Amino acid sequence: MCERDHFQGRTGLTRREFGAIGVAGAASACAPMASGNATDTGIASDTVSFAADGGTMDGVFLRPSSGAHPGVILWPDIAGLRPAKVQMGRRLAGEGYAVFVANPYYRSVSGQQFSDFESFREADGFAAVRPWRERNTPEAIMATARDVVSWLDQQDAVDSTRGIGNQGYCMTGSWTIMSAAAVPGRVKAAASFHGGQLVGDAPNAPANLLDDMADDAGALIAIAQDDDADDPGAKVALANAGSAAAADVTVDVYAGDHGWTVLDSPAYAEDAAERAWSALKALYDTHL
């Protein structure tokens, strides 16, 4: 889980430094989010909202400008809906997916609350999001997943004959498995990157939900090296649960610290992030 100690001693990347990152599209990671219909290099982008459990879900919907494509839900990390996450969704849309970048705090607030991790830290983001996070119980997350999947299946840009993928980071890494368990008939891929609270004794702990995923689904559980050092038993519990599940579950520890996959994270590590991106693409290519 993304907590205060993951930021201790880190200064993060400045906006100027983003321009020097070599990963595709990263130079625009701090650009404003889409505010309406737009087409950028063949990618259509809209800000959208729709009724969902407990409120009005909002986010950004990115997809190729023509055709129908497998749907993907991108659940942002603790800093919420912001340009870096939209840019990550845009890159995935460029690979041929219809991507909804969700506001994980829609039950409490709408739209962008922090422009990047730097502003999150400056605003004491942990204190700000605490009451918003508390509303996202496992039951609420699974209800949200059902509503987002239903919305995706109503979009012309989504090929509803193919499975839906979902990916989450930090606090939402666990959401991906909950979503796949909540809608096993539609969600066929779950990718958790440096996710927290994946193991536990509760029946709805993500490790215990792996067996509720569809038999033809797949899961990628990518663990940060510092999280693994703090709790080396988690990967063992997850691997054992994955082996017992019918779904295809991969558990791996990456050479990056918590947050290594996220463009505006102080822990962003390009080489490890690109390896994780390749694994994500392989998961979606196989199961969607």
C-alpha atoms as a PDB file:
ATOM      1  CA  MET A   1       0.000   0.000   0.000  1.00  0.00           C
ATOM      2  CA  CYS A   2       1.174   3.511  -0.757  1.00  0.00           C
ATOM      3  CA  GLU A   3       1.920   5.094   2.611  1.00  0.00           C
ATOM      4  CA  ARG A   4       3.874   8.076   3.894  1.00  0.00           C
ATOM      5  CA  ASP A   5       7.101   6.127   4.326  1.00  0.00           C
ATOM      6  CA  HIS A   6       7.238   5.425   0.601  1.00  0.00           C
ATOM      7  CA  PHE A   7       7.936   9.145   0.122  1.00  0.00           C
ATOM      8  CA  GLN A   8      10.513   9.670   2.856  1.00  0.00           C
ATOM      9  CA  GLY A   9      13.826  10.819   1.424  1.00  0.00           C
ATOM     10  CA  ARG A  10      12.519  11.115  -2.132  1.00  0.00           C
ATOM     11  CA  THR A  11      12.311  14.381  -3.975  1.00  0.00           C
ATOM     12  CA  GLY A  12      10.441  13.018  -6.988  1.00  0.00           C
ATOM     13  CA  LEU A  13      10.680  14.213 -10.573  1.00  0.00           C
ATOM     14  CA  THR A  14      10.150  17.803 -11.561  1.00  0.00           C
ATOM     15  CA  ARG A  15       7.953  18.716 -14.516  1.00  0.00           C
ATOM     16  CA  ARG A  16      11.096  19.629 -16.459  1.00  0.00           C
ATOM     17  CA  GLU A  17      12.541  16.185 -15.810  1.00  0.00           C
ATOM     18  CA  PHE A  18       9.410  14.557 -17.194  1.00  0.00           C
ATOM     19  CA  GLY A  19      10.319  15.936 -20.593  1.00  0.00           C
ATOM     20  CA  ALA A  20      13.544  13.937 -20.522  1.00  0.00           C
ATOM     21  CA  ILE A  21      11.896  10.580 -19.746  1.00  0.00           C
ATOM     22  CA  GLY A  22      12.284   8.282 -22.719  1.00  0.00           C
ATOM     23  CA  VAL A  23       9.112   6.210 -22.267  1.00  0.00           C
ATOM     24  CA  ALA A  24       6.556   6.876 -25.020  1.00  0.00           C
ATOM     25  CA  GLY A  25       4.282   9.778 -24.208  1.00  0.00           C
ATOM     26  CA  ALA A  26       5.820  10.598 -20.843  1.00  0.00           C
ATOM     27  CA  ALA A  27       6.750  14.116 -21.890  1.00  0.00           C
ATOM     28  CA  SER A  28       3.057  15.008 -21.825  1.00  0.00           C
ATOM     29  CA  ALA A  29       2.298  13.284 -18.540  1.00  0.00           C
ATOM     30  CA  CYS A  30       1.651  16.582 -16.808  1.00  0.00           C
ATOM     31  CA  ALA A  31      -0.443  18.058 -19.608  1.00  0.00           C
ATOM     32  CA  PRO A  32      -4.064  18.936 -18.778  1.00  0.00           C
ATOM     33  CA  MET A  33      -6.560  16.096 -18.853  1.00  0.00           C
ATOM     34  CA  ALA A  34      -9.012  15.844 -21.728  1.00  0.00           C
ATOM     35  CA  SER A  35     -12.010  18.102 -21.200  1.00  0.00           C
ATOM     36  CA  GLY A  36     -14.183  17.055 -24.120  1.00  0.00           C
ATOM     37  CA  ASN A  37     -14.131  15.399 -27.527  1.00  0.00           C
ATOM     38  CA  ALA A  38     -10.609  15.238 -28.880  1.00  0.00           C
ATOM     39  CA  THR A  39      -8.571  13.180 -31.270  1.00  0.00           C
ATOM     40  CA  ASP A  40      -4.825  12.969 -30.722  1.00  0.00           C
ATOM     41  CA  THR A  41      -2.830  10.823 -33.141  1.00  0.00           C
ATOM     42  CA  GLY A  42      -5.839   8.624 -33.788  1.00  0.00           C
ATOM     43  CA  ILE A  43      -6.993   8.426 -30.160  1.00  0.00           C
ATOM     44  CA  ALA A  44     -10.446   9.724 -29.253  1.00  0.00           C
ATOM     45  CA  SER A  45     -10.763  11.120 -25.737  1.00  0.00           C
ATOM     46  CA  ASP A  46     -13.764  12.243 -23.683  1.00  0.00           C
ATOM     47  CA  THR A  47     -14.421  13.172 -20.101  1.00  0.00           C
ATOM     48  CA  VAL A  48     -17.455  11.153 -19.078  1.00  0.00           C
ATOM     49  CA  SER A  49     -19.750  10.550 -16.118  1.00  0.00           C
ATOM     50  CA  PHE A  50     -22.464   8.032 -15.356  1.00  0.00           C
ATOM     51  CA  ALA A  51     -24.492   6.698 -12.447  1.00  0.00           C
ATOM     52  CA  ALA A  52     -22.675   4.140 -10.312  1.00  0.00           C
ATOM     53  CA  ASP A  53     -23.054   2.649  -6.874  1.00  0.00           C
ATOM     54  CA  GLY A  54     -22.987   5.406  -4.266  1.00  0.00           C
ATOM     55  CA  GLY A  55     -22.666   8.363  -6.630  1.00  0.00           C
ATOM     56  CA  THR A  56     -21.733   9.547 -10.103  1.00  0.00           C
ATOM     57  CA  MET A  57     -18.637   7.912 -11.546  1.00  0.00           C
ATOM     58  CA  ASP A  58     -16.467  10.183 -13.664  1.00  0.00           C
ATOM     59  CA  GLY A  59     -13.261   9.737 -15.619  1.00  0.00           C
ATOM     60  CA  VAL A  60     -11.653   9.862 -19.031  1.00  0.00           C
ATOM     61  CA  PHE A  61     -12.520   7.458 -21.849  1.00  0.00           C
ATOM     62  CA  LEU A  62      -9.758   6.887 -24.403  1.00  0.00           C
ATOM     63  CA  ARG A  63      -9.951   4.633 -27.460  1.00  0.00           C
ATOM     64  CA  PRO A  64      -8.892   4.369 -31.075  1.00  0.00           C
ATOM     65  CA  SER A  65     -10.896   6.831 -33.162  1.00  0.00           C
ATOM     66  CA  SER A  66     -12.645   4.057 -35.079  1.00  0.00           C
ATOM     67  CA  GLY A  67     -13.743   0.483 -34.541  1.00  0.00           C
ATOM     68  CA  ALA A  68     -14.651  -1.597 -31.495  1.00  0.00           C
ATOM     69  CA  HIS A  69     -11.952  -2.793 -29.098  1.00  0.00           C
ATOM     70  CA  PRO A  70     -11.554  -4.742 -25.847  1.00  0.00           C
ATOM     71  CA  GLY A  71     -12.455  -2.627 -22.833  1.00  0.00           C
ATOM     72  CA  VAL A  72     -10.011  -1.866 -20.030  1.00  0.00           C
ATOM     73  CA  ILE A  73     -10.537  -0.188 -16.660  1.00  0.00           C
ATOM     74  CA  LEU A  74      -7.555   1.745 -15.331  1.00  0.00           C
ATOM     75  CA  TRP A  75      -7.904   2.338 -11.588  1.00  0.00           C
ATOM     76  CA  PRO A  76      -5.524   5.145 -10.492  1.00  0.00           C
ATOM     77  CA  ASP A  77      -3.413   5.027  -7.357  1.00  0.00           C
ATOM     78  CA  ILE A  78      -3.779   7.014  -4.150  1.00  0.00           C
ATOM     79  CA  ALA A  79      -3.279  10.390  -5.875  1.00  0.00           C
ATOM     80  CA  GLY A  80      -6.356   9.752  -7.990  1.00  0.00           C
ATOM     81  CA  LEU A  81      -7.434  10.852 -11.446  1.00  0.00           C
ATOM     82  CA  ARG A  82      -4.762  13.099 -12.974  1.00  0.00           C
ATOM     83  CA  PRO A  83      -2.770  13.703 -16.194  1.00  0.00           C
ATOM     84  CA  ALA A  84      -0.109  11.023 -15.618  1.00  0.00           C
ATOM     85  CA  LYS A  85      -2.775   8.324 -15.336  1.00  0.00           C
ATOM     86  CA  VAL A  86      -4.616   9.644 -18.367  1.00  0.00           C
ATOM     87  CA  GLN A  87      -1.363   9.537 -20.324  1.00  0.00           C
ATOM     88  CA  MET A  88      -0.876   5.911 -19.294  1.00  0.00           C
ATOM     89  CA  GLY A  89      -4.396   5.187 -20.509  1.00  0.00           C
ATOM     90  CA  ARG A  90      -3.694   6.978 -23.782  1.00  0.00           C
ATOM     91  CA  ARG A  91      -0.669   4.808 -24.409  1.00  0.00           C
ATOM     92  CA  LEU A  92      -2.766   1.694 -23.875  1.00  0.00           C
ATOM     93  CA  ALA A  93      -5.487   3.012 -26.159  1.00  0.00           C
ATOM     94  CA  GLY A  94      -2.808   3.369 -28.805  1.00  0.00           C
ATOM     95  CA  GLU A  95      -2.301  -0.390 -28.538  1.00  0.00           C
ATOM     96  CA  GLY A  96      -5.925  -0.995 -29.526  1.00  0.00           C
ATOM     97  CA  TYR A  97      -7.925  -0.893 -26.296  1.00  0.00           C
ATOM     98  CA  ALA A  98     -10.903   1.174 -25.152  1.00  0.00           C
ATOM     99  CA  VAL A  99      -9.680   2.475 -21.803  1.00  0.00           C
ATOM    100  CA  PHE A 100     -11.710   4.066 -19.033  1.00  0.00           C
ATOM    101  CA  VAL A 101      -9.490   5.906 -16.532  1.00  0.00           C
ATOM    102  CA  ALA A 102     -11.703   6.035 -13.461  1.00  0.00           C
ATOM    103  CA  ASN A 103     -11.970   8.458 -10.560  1.00  0.00           C
ATOM    104  CA  PRO A 104     -11.494   6.093  -7.593  1.00  0.00           C
ATOM    105  CA  TYR A 105     -12.918   8.675  -5.191  1.00  0.00           C
ATOM    106  CA  TYR A 106     -16.138   9.418  -7.076  1.00  0.00           C
ATOM    107  CA  ARG A 107     -18.252   8.659  -4.003  1.00  0.00           C
ATOM    108  CA  SER A 108     -16.695  11.702  -2.306  1.00  0.00           C
ATOM    109  CA  VAL A 109     -15.347  14.105  -4.953  1.00  0.00           C
ATOM    110  CA  SER A 110     -15.406  14.541  -8.695  1.00  0.00           C
ATOM    111  CA  GLY A 111     -12.599  15.021 -11.170  1.00  0.00           C
ATOM    112  CA  GLN A 112      -8.950  15.782 -10.517  1.00  0.00           C
ATOM    113  CA  GLN A 113      -7.903  16.606  -6.969  1.00  0.00           C
ATOM    114  CA  PHE A 114      -4.111  16.615  -7.415  1.00  0.00           C
ATOM    115  CA  SER A 115      -2.176  17.468 -10.558  1.00  0.00           C
ATOM    116  CA  ASP A 116       0.633  15.021  -9.760  1.00  0.00           C
ATOM    117  CA  PHE A 117       2.402  13.342  -6.859  1.00  0.00           C
ATOM    118  CA  GLU A 118       4.284  16.533  -6.070  1.00  0.00           C
ATOM    119  CA  SER A 119       1.049  18.416  -5.490  1.00  0.00           C
ATOM    120  CA  PHE A 120      -0.320  15.431  -3.550  1.00  0.00           C
ATOM    121  CA  ARG A 121       2.550  15.669  -1.091  1.00  0.00           C
ATOM    122  CA  GLU A 122       2.375  19.449  -0.859  1.00  0.00           C
ATOM    123  CA  ALA A 123      -1.344  19.261  -0.005  1.00  0.00           C
ATOM    124  CA  ASP A 124      -0.894  16.542   2.656  1.00  0.00           C
ATOM    125  CA  GLY A 125      -2.738  14.200   0.332  1.00  0.00           C
ATOM    126  CA  PHE A 126      -2.750  11.281   2.757  1.00  0.00           C
ATOM    127  CA  ALA A 127      -4.920  13.234   5.178  1.00  0.00           C
ATOM    128  CA  ALA A 128      -7.127  14.541   2.377  1.00  0.00           C
ATOM    129  CA  VAL A 129      -7.910  11.156   0.858  1.00  0.00           C
ATOM    130  CA  ARG A 130      -8.339   9.210   4.097  1.00  0.00           C
ATOM    131  CA  PRO A 131     -12.129   9.712   4.355  1.00  0.00           C
ATOM    132  CA  TRP A 132     -12.517   9.093   0.613  1.00  0.00           C
ATOM    133  CA  ARG A 133     -10.632   5.811   0.852  1.00  0.00           C
ATOM    134  CA  GLU A 134     -12.746   4.645   3.762  1.00  0.00           C
ATOM    135  CA  ARG A 135     -15.849   4.655   1.564  1.00  0.00           C
ATOM    136  CA  ASN A 136     -14.217   2.164  -0.797  1.00  0.00           C
ATOM    137  CA  THR A 137     -14.927  -1.022   1.106  1.00  0.00           C
ATOM    138  CA  PRO A 138     -14.467  -4.338  -0.722  1.00  0.00           C
ATOM    139  CA  GLU A 139     -18.233  -4.566  -1.175  1.00  0.00           C
ATOM    140  CA  ALA A 140     -18.359  -1.033  -2.584  1.00  0.00           C
ATOM    141  CA  ILE A 141     -15.436  -1.694  -4.937  1.00  0.00           C
ATOM    142  CA  MET A 142     -17.127  -4.781  -6.341  1.00  0.00           C
ATOM    143  CA  ALA A 143     -20.372  -2.872  -6.843  1.00  0.00           C
ATOM    144  CA  THR A 144     -18.442  -0.136  -8.642  1.00  0.00           C
ATOM    145  CA  ALA A 145     -16.811  -2.701 -10.897  1.00  0.00           C
ATOM    146  CA  ARG A 146     -20.195  -4.076 -11.936  1.00  0.00           C
ATOM    147  CA  ASP A 147     -21.427  -0.607 -12.866  1.00  0.00           C
ATOM    148  CA  VAL A 148     -18.277   0.338 -14.787  1.00  0.00           C
ATOM    149  CA  VAL A 149     -18.378  -2.932 -16.735  1.00  0.00           C
ATOM    150  CA  SER A 150     -22.037  -2.326 -17.555  1.00  0.00           C
ATOM    151  CA  TRP A 151     -21.204   1.164 -18.823  1.00  0.00           C
ATOM    152  CA  LEU A 152     -18.307  -0.076 -20.931  1.00  0.00           C
ATOM    153  CA  ASP A 153     -20.487  -2.717 -22.563  1.00  0.00           C
ATOM    154  CA  GLN A 154     -22.882   0.009 -23.713  1.00  0.00           C
ATOM    155  CA  GLN A 155     -20.180   1.923 -25.599  1.00  0.00           C
ATOM    156  CA  ASP A 156     -19.887   1.524 -29.378  1.00  0.00           C
ATOM    157  CA  ALA A 157     -16.093   1.630 -29.043  1.00  0.00           C
ATOM    158  CA  VAL A 158     -16.089  -1.476 -26.834  1.00  0.00           C
ATOM    159  CA  ASP A 159     -16.211  -4.952 -28.356  1.00  0.00           C
ATOM    160  CA  SER A 160     -18.516  -6.677 -25.874  1.00  0.00           C
ATOM    161  CA  THR A 161     -17.787 -10.082 -27.390  1.00  0.00           C
ATOM    162  CA  ARG A 162     -14.292  -9.911 -25.904  1.00  0.00           C
ATOM    163  CA  GLY A 163     -13.228  -9.870 -22.278  1.00  0.00           C
ATOM    164  CA  ILE A 164     -12.550  -6.739 -20.246  1.00  0.00           C
ATOM    165  CA  GLY A 165      -9.211  -6.091 -18.568  1.00  0.00           C
ATOM    166  CA  ASN A 166      -8.463  -4.016 -15.509  1.00  0.00           C
ATOM    167  CA  GLN A 167      -5.284  -2.683 -13.983  1.00  0.00           C
ATOM    168  CA  GLY A 168      -4.627  -0.993 -10.647  1.00  0.00           C
ATOM    169  CA  TYR A 169      -1.776   0.643  -8.791  1.00  0.00           C
ATOM    170  CA  CYS A 170      -0.955   1.013  -5.103  1.00  0.00           C
ATOM    171  CA  MET A 171      -4.288   1.011  -3.235  1.00  0.00           C
ATOM    172  CA  THR A 172      -6.189  -0.127  -6.351  1.00  0.00           C
ATOM    173  CA  GLY A 173      -3.980  -3.116  -7.083  1.00  0.00           C
ATOM    174  CA  SER A 174      -6.374  -5.103  -4.925  1.00  0.00           C
ATOM    175  CA  TRP A 175      -9.342  -3.664  -6.807  1.00  0.00           C
ATOM    176  CA  THR A 176      -8.358  -5.527  -9.955  1.00  0.00           C
ATOM    177  CA  ILE A 177      -8.831  -8.942  -8.374  1.00  0.00           C
ATOM    178  CA  MET A 178     -12.037  -7.829  -6.650  1.00  0.00           C
ATOM    179  CA  SER A 179     -13.354  -6.616 -10.005  1.00  0.00           C
ATOM    180  CA  ALA A 180     -12.504  -9.863 -11.763  1.00  0.00           C
ATOM    181  CA  ALA A 181     -14.219 -11.798  -8.977  1.00  0.00           C
ATOM    182  CA  ALA A 182     -17.257  -9.485  -9.045  1.00  0.00           C
ATOM    183  CA  VAL A 183     -17.872  -9.822 -12.787  1.00  0.00           C
ATOM    184  CA  PRO A 184     -16.203 -13.086 -13.826  1.00  0.00           C
ATOM    185  CA  GLY A 185     -18.321 -13.374 -16.944  1.00  0.00           C
ATOM    186  CA  ARG A 186     -16.811 -10.170 -18.343  1.00  0.00           C
ATOM    187  CA  VAL A 187     -13.553  -9.268 -16.564  1.00  0.00           C
ATOM    188  CA  LYS A 188     -10.936 -11.663 -17.890  1.00  0.00           C
ATOM    189  CA  ALA A 189      -7.701  -9.969 -16.842  1.00  0.00           C
ATOM    190  CA  ALA A 190      -6.473  -8.343 -13.623  1.00  0.00           C
ATOM    191  CA  ALA A 191      -3.111  -6.586 -13.322  1.00  0.00           C
ATOM    192  CA  SER A 192      -2.000  -5.401  -9.888  1.00  0.00           C
ATOM    193  CA  PHE A 193       1.098  -3.183  -9.741  1.00  0.00           C
ATOM    194  CA  HIS A 194       2.712  -2.595  -6.319  1.00  0.00           C
ATOM    195  CA  GLY A 195      -0.703  -3.306  -4.801  1.00  0.00           C
ATOM    196  CA  GLY A 196      -1.360  -3.320  -1.098  1.00  0.00           C
ATOM    197  CA  GLN A 197      -3.487  -5.462   1.203  1.00  0.00           C
ATOM    198  CA  LEU A 198      -3.576  -8.395  -1.191  1.00  0.00           C
ATOM    199  CA  VAL A 199      -3.392 -11.109   1.454  1.00  0.00           C
ATOM    200  CA  GLY A 200      -5.353 -11.769   4.617  1.00  0.00           C
ATOM    201  CA  ASP A 201      -7.713 -14.141   6.362  1.00  0.00           C
ATOM    202  CA  ALA A 202     -10.957 -12.431   5.327  1.00  0.00           C
ATOM    203  CA  PRO A 203     -12.959 -14.213   2.614  1.00  0.00           C
ATOM    204  CA  ASN A 204     -12.844 -11.049   0.499  1.00  0.00           C
ATOM    205  CA  ALA A 205      -9.071 -10.616   0.748  1.00  0.00           C
ATOM    206  CA  PRO A 206      -7.831 -10.517  -2.879  1.00  0.00           C
ATOM    207  CA  ALA A 207      -5.697 -13.645  -2.491  1.00  0.00           C
ATOM    208  CA  ASN A 208      -8.819 -15.487  -1.401  1.00  0.00           C
ATOM    209  CA  LEU A 209     -10.778 -14.176  -4.393  1.00  0.00           C
ATOM    210  CA  LEU A 210      -8.406 -15.508  -7.049  1.00  0.00           C
ATOM    211  CA  ASP A 211     -10.424 -18.709  -7.223  1.00  0.00           C
ATOM    212  CA  ASP A 212     -13.563 -16.648  -7.940  1.00  0.00           C
ATOM    213  CA  MET A 213     -12.082 -15.370 -11.189  1.00  0.00           C
ATOM    214  CA  ALA A 214     -13.214 -17.020 -14.406  1.00  0.00           C
ATOM    215  CA  ASP A 215     -11.421 -20.187 -15.424  1.00  0.00           C
ATOM    216  CA  ASP A 216     -10.262 -18.495 -18.636  1.00  0.00           C
ATOM    217  CA  ALA A 217      -9.072 -15.328 -16.886  1.00  0.00           C
ATOM    218  CA  GLY A 218      -5.543 -14.262 -16.031  1.00  0.00           C
ATOM    219  CA  ALA A 219      -3.945 -12.208 -13.283  1.00  0.00           C
ATOM    220  CA  LEU A 220      -0.589 -10.450 -13.087  1.00  0.00           C
ATOM    221  CA  ILE A 221       0.515  -9.550  -9.559  1.00  0.00           C
ATOM    222  CA  ALA A 222       3.617  -7.381  -9.825  1.00  0.00           C
ATOM    223  CA  ILE A 223       5.229  -6.685  -6.455  1.00  0.00           C
ATOM    224  CA  ALA A 224       7.681  -3.890  -5.658  1.00  0.00           C
ATOM    225  CA  GLN A 225      11.052  -4.960  -4.294  1.00  0.00           C
ATOM    226  CA  ASP A 226      10.729  -2.836  -1.151  1.00  0.00           C
ATOM    227  CA  ASP A 227       7.219  -4.143  -0.462  1.00  0.00           C
ATOM    228  CA  ASP A 228       8.576  -7.666  -0.829  1.00  0.00           C
ATOM    229  CA  ALA A 229      11.392  -6.898   1.597  1.00  0.00           C
ATOM    230  CA  ASP A 230       8.839  -5.667   4.132  1.00  0.00           C
ATOM    231  CA  ASP A 231       6.568  -8.710   3.704  1.00  0.00           C
ATOM    232  CA  PRO A 232       8.320 -11.567   1.894  1.00  0.00           C
ATOM    233  CA  GLY A 233       5.569 -13.986   2.822  1.00  0.00           C
ATOM    234  CA  ALA A 234       2.972 -12.153   0.727  1.00  0.00           C
ATOM    235  CA  LYS A 235       4.342 -13.410  -2.579  1.00  0.00           C
ATOM    236  CA  VAL A 236       4.329 -16.965  -1.260  1.00  0.00           C
ATOM    237  CA  ALA A 237       0.706 -16.713  -0.116  1.00  0.00           C
ATOM    238  CA  LEU A 238      -0.311 -15.179  -3.427  1.00  0.00           C
ATOM    239  CA  ALA A 239       1.566 -17.796  -5.449  1.00  0.00           C
ATOM    240  CA  ASN A 240      -0.045 -20.600  -3.449  1.00  0.00           C
ATOM    241  CA  ALA A 241      -3.500 -19.098  -3.897  1.00  0.00           C
ATOM    242  CA  GLY A 242      -2.799 -18.591  -7.582  1.00  0.00           C
ATOM    243  CA  SER A 243      -1.733 -22.191  -8.015  1.00  0.00           C
ATOM    244  CA  ALA A 244      -4.964 -23.371  -6.424  1.00  0.00           C
ATOM    245  CA  ALA A 245      -7.110 -21.129  -8.640  1.00  0.00           C
ATOM    246  CA  ALA A 246      -8.385 -22.112 -12.064  1.00  0.00           C
ATOM    247  CA  ALA A 247      -7.325 -18.752 -13.497  1.00  0.00           C
ATOM    248  CA  ASP A 248      -3.815 -18.212 -14.879  1.00  0.00           C
ATOM    249  CA  VAL A 249      -2.042 -16.283 -12.099  1.00  0.00           C
ATOM    250  CA  THR A 250       1.504 -14.897 -12.285  1.00  0.00           C
ATOM    251  CA  VAL A 251       3.219 -13.451  -9.209  1.00  0.00           C
ATOM    252  CA  ASP A 252       6.510 -11.639  -9.696  1.00  0.00           C
ATOM    253  CA  VAL A 253       8.791  -9.249  -7.795  1.00  0.00           C
ATOM    254  CA  TYR A 254      10.177  -6.369  -9.851  1.00  0.00           C
ATOM    255  CA  ALA A 255      13.412  -4.443  -9.510  1.00  0.00           C
ATOM    256  CA  GLY A 256      11.635  -1.240  -8.589  1.00  0.00           C
ATOM    257  CA  ASP A 257      10.341   0.335  -5.406  1.00  0.00           C
ATOM    258  CA  HIS A 258       6.706   1.030  -4.606  1.00  0.00           C
ATOM    259  CA  GLY A 259       5.317   3.209  -7.391  1.00  0.00           C
ATOM    260  CA  TRP A 260       7.919   2.236  -9.992  1.00  0.00           C
ATOM    261  CA  THR A 261       5.367   1.946 -12.844  1.00  0.00           C
ATOM    262  CA  VAL A 262       3.757   5.380 -12.450  1.00  0.00           C
ATOM    263  CA  LEU A 263       5.015   8.266 -14.578  1.00  0.00           C
ATOM    264  CA  ASP A 264       4.798  10.965 -11.910  1.00  0.00           C
ATOM    265  CA  SER A 265       5.809   8.799  -8.945  1.00  0.00           C
ATOM    266  CA  PRO A 266       9.016   9.646  -7.072  1.00  0.00           C
ATOM    267  CA  ALA A 267       9.915   5.955  -7.463  1.00  0.00           C
ATOM    268  CA  TYR A 268       9.352   5.781 -11.235  1.00  0.00           C
ATOM    269  CA  ALA A 269      11.948   3.426 -12.787  1.00  0.00           C
ATOM    270  CA  GLU A 270      11.814   3.307 -16.569  1.00  0.00           C
ATOM    271  CA  ASP A 271      13.442  -0.074 -17.224  1.00  0.00           C
ATOM    272  CA  ALA A 272      11.311  -1.901 -14.669  1.00  0.00           C
ATOM    273  CA  ALA A 273       8.231   0.035 -15.785  1.00  0.00           C
ATOM    274  CA  GLU A 274       8.753  -1.034 -19.387  1.00  0.00           C
ATOM    275  CA  ARG A 275       9.134  -4.650 -18.300  1.00  0.00           C
ATOM    276  CA  ALA A 276       5.856  -4.358 -16.405  1.00  0.00           C
ATOM    277  CA  TRP A 277       4.223  -2.779 -19.469  1.00  0.00           C
ATOM    278  CA  SER A 278       5.304  -5.724 -21.616  1.00  0.00           C
ATOM    279  CA  ALA A 279       3.862  -8.162 -19.071  1.00  0.00           C
ATOM    280  CA  LEU A 280       0.592  -6.216 -19.025  1.00  0.00           C
ATOM    281  CA  LYS A 281       0.361  -6.328 -22.797  1.00  0.00           C
ATOM    282  CA  ALA A 282       1.044 -10.068 -22.798  1.00  0.00           C
ATOM    283  CA  LEU A 283      -1.711 -10.588 -20.230  1.00  0.00           C
ATOM    284  CA  TYR A 284      -4.227  -8.634 -22.311  1.00  0.00           C
ATOM    285  CA  ASP A 285      -3.116 -10.226 -25.587  1.00  0.00           C
ATOM    286  CA  THR A 286      -3.737 -13.657 -24.082  1.00  0.00           C
ATOM    287  CA  HIS A 287      -6.970 -13.118 -22.184  1.00  0.00           C
ATOM    288  CA  LEU A 288      -8.909 -10.350 -23.963  1.00  0.00           C
END
